[in-house]
Amino acid sequence: MVKEAFWGVDGQRVTTASVGLMVKAHVRIIATEEYVGLVVVKIRKDVALWPDSDYQVLSVPISLVGGQEKEVELAFVPDKPSSGSLRGYFVEIDFKATNTKWVMEATYPPRLKVE
């Protein structure tokens, strides 16, 4: 399961970033039982009145036993500010071995606004 997910810029936690600045999504995963399989981390654009879209995707093979943790980072550079129909960016995780999904809460924060 996802223990924590947050945004970082230059080593600092943030809830807002600037267009063109490198942002890292940090996802801390903790295994409640053994998990062996792919974890797909997605940075998605939160678009009003339109389907959300994948912006950056990373597939990571993970092998954990119950109680173990792993942090996955995915760097990206936002290309558009949060304005008009684009509200911001969020993290979605697909756990392929268990066919489950985790989606960042639909509020700002924890989702990322971009200036």
Protein backbone atom coordinates (compact mmCIF):
# COMPACT_ATOMS: atom_id res chain seq x y z
CA MET A 1 0.00 0.00 0.00
CA VAL A 2 1.04 3.63 -0.33
CA LYS A 3 2.29 4.97 2.99
CA GLU A 4 2.95 8.49 1.71
CA ALA A 5 3.15 10.46 -1.53
CA PHE A 6 4.51 13.99 -1.81
CA TRP A 7 6.21 16.45 -4.17
CA GLY A 8 9.76 17.78 -3.94
CA VAL A 9 11.73 20.57 -5.59
CA ASP A 10 15.46 20.94 -4.79
CA GLY A 11 15.11 18.61 -1.80
CA GLN A 12 12.22 20.57 -0.24
CA ARG A 13 8.62 19.36 0.08
CA VAL A 14 6.26 21.52 -1.96
CA THR A 15 2.60 21.78 -2.89
CA THR A 16 3.19 24.34 -5.67
CA ALA A 17 5.84 24.42 -8.39
CA SER A 18 6.72 26.51 -11.44
CA VAL A 19 6.45 25.60 -15.11
CA GLY A 20 9.81 24.37 -16.40
CA LEU A 21 11.16 23.48 -12.94
CA MET A 22 12.09 19.85 -12.18
CA VAL A 23 9.68 18.28 -9.68
CA LYS A 24 10.10 14.86 -8.05
CA ALA A 25 7.13 12.79 -7.01
CA HIS A 26 8.10 10.72 -3.96
CA VAL A 27 6.04 7.61 -3.24
CA ARG A 28 6.67 5.48 -0.14
CA ILE A 29 5.27 1.99 -0.47
CA ILE A 30 4.93 -0.40 2.47
CA ALA A 31 4.11 -4.06 2.01
CA THR A 32 1.39 -5.47 4.26
CA GLU A 33 2.33 -8.93 2.96
CA GLU A 34 4.73 -10.24 0.35
CA TYR A 35 4.57 -8.30 -2.92
CA VAL A 36 6.50 -9.31 -6.01
CA GLY A 37 5.63 -7.57 -9.25
CA LEU A 38 5.50 -4.34 -11.18
CA VAL A 39 4.42 -1.06 -9.66
CA VAL A 40 3.49 1.59 -12.24
CA VAL A 41 3.86 5.17 -11.01
CA LYS A 42 1.99 7.77 -13.09
CA ILE A 43 2.07 11.53 -13.00
CA ARG A 44 -1.31 12.56 -14.39
CA LYS A 45 -2.79 15.87 -15.44
CA ASP A 46 -5.97 16.78 -13.55
CA VAL A 47 -8.20 18.22 -16.27
CA ALA A 48 -11.63 19.70 -15.49
CA LEU A 49 -14.58 18.29 -17.45
CA TRP A 50 -12.29 16.04 -19.49
CA PRO A 51 -10.56 12.70 -18.88
CA ASP A 52 -7.30 13.00 -16.94
CA SER A 53 -4.20 12.12 -18.94
CA ASP A 54 -0.86 10.46 -18.21
CA TYR A 55 2.04 12.91 -18.32
CA GLN A 56 4.95 10.75 -17.09
CA VAL A 57 4.97 6.99 -16.37
CA LEU A 58 7.53 4.76 -14.65
CA SER A 59 7.30 0.97 -14.21
CA VAL A 60 9.34 -0.40 -11.30
CA PRO A 61 9.78 -4.09 -10.41
CA ILE A 62 9.40 -4.49 -6.64
CA SER A 63 9.99 -7.40 -4.32
CA LEU A 64 9.04 -6.80 -0.69
CA VAL A 65 8.08 -8.92 2.30
CA GLY A 66 5.50 -7.80 4.87
CA GLY A 67 6.63 -4.69 6.73
CA GLN A 68 9.31 -3.67 4.21
CA GLU A 69 9.23 -0.21 2.65
CA LYS A 70 10.49 1.18 -0.64
CA GLU A 71 10.57 4.75 -1.93
CA VAL A 72 10.08 5.35 -5.63
CA GLU A 73 10.88 8.72 -7.20
CA LEU A 74 9.68 10.01 -10.55
CA ALA A 75 11.04 13.31 -11.84
CA PHE A 76 9.15 15.44 -14.34
CA VAL A 77 8.97 19.01 -15.59
CA PRO A 78 5.47 20.55 -15.65
CA ASP A 79 4.76 22.03 -19.07
CA LYS A 80 1.64 24.08 -18.26
CA PRO A 81 0.39 26.12 -15.30
CA SER A 82 -2.72 25.32 -13.29
CA SER A 83 -5.20 27.51 -15.15
CA GLY A 84 -8.14 27.10 -17.45
CA SER A 85 -9.13 23.45 -17.58
CA LEU A 86 -5.80 22.17 -16.12
CA ARG A 87 -6.16 22.08 -12.34
CA GLY A 88 -2.76 20.51 -11.65
CA TYR A 89 -0.95 17.20 -11.39
CA PHE A 90 -1.43 14.09 -9.26
CA VAL A 91 0.04 10.65 -8.63
CA GLU A 92 -1.64 7.37 -9.49
CA ILE A 93 -0.11 3.96 -8.67
CA ASP A 94 -1.01 0.65 -10.31
CA PHE A 95 -0.01 -2.46 -8.35
CA LYS A 96 0.09 -5.01 -11.18
CA ALA A 97 0.56 -8.14 -9.02
CA THR A 98 -2.59 -7.45 -7.01
CA ASN A 99 -4.51 -5.65 -9.76
CA THR A 100 -5.17 -2.69 -7.44
CA LYS A 101 -4.80 1.06 -7.83
CA TRP A 102 -4.07 4.00 -5.53
CA VAL A 103 -4.95 7.58 -6.50
CA MET A 104 -3.79 10.72 -4.69
CA GLU A 105 -6.61 12.49 -2.84
CA ALA A 106 -8.49 14.88 -5.12
CA THR A 107 -7.69 18.09 -3.19
CA TYR A 108 -4.97 20.76 -3.43
CA PRO A 109 -2.76 19.89 -1.62
CA PRO A 110 -1.77 17.02 -1.78
CA ARG A 111 -2.14 17.44 -5.56
CA LEU A 112 0.37 19.78 -7.19
CA LYS A 113 -0.54 23.26 -8.43
CA VAL A 114 1.75 24.80 -11.04
CA GLU A 115 2.38 28.53 -11.54
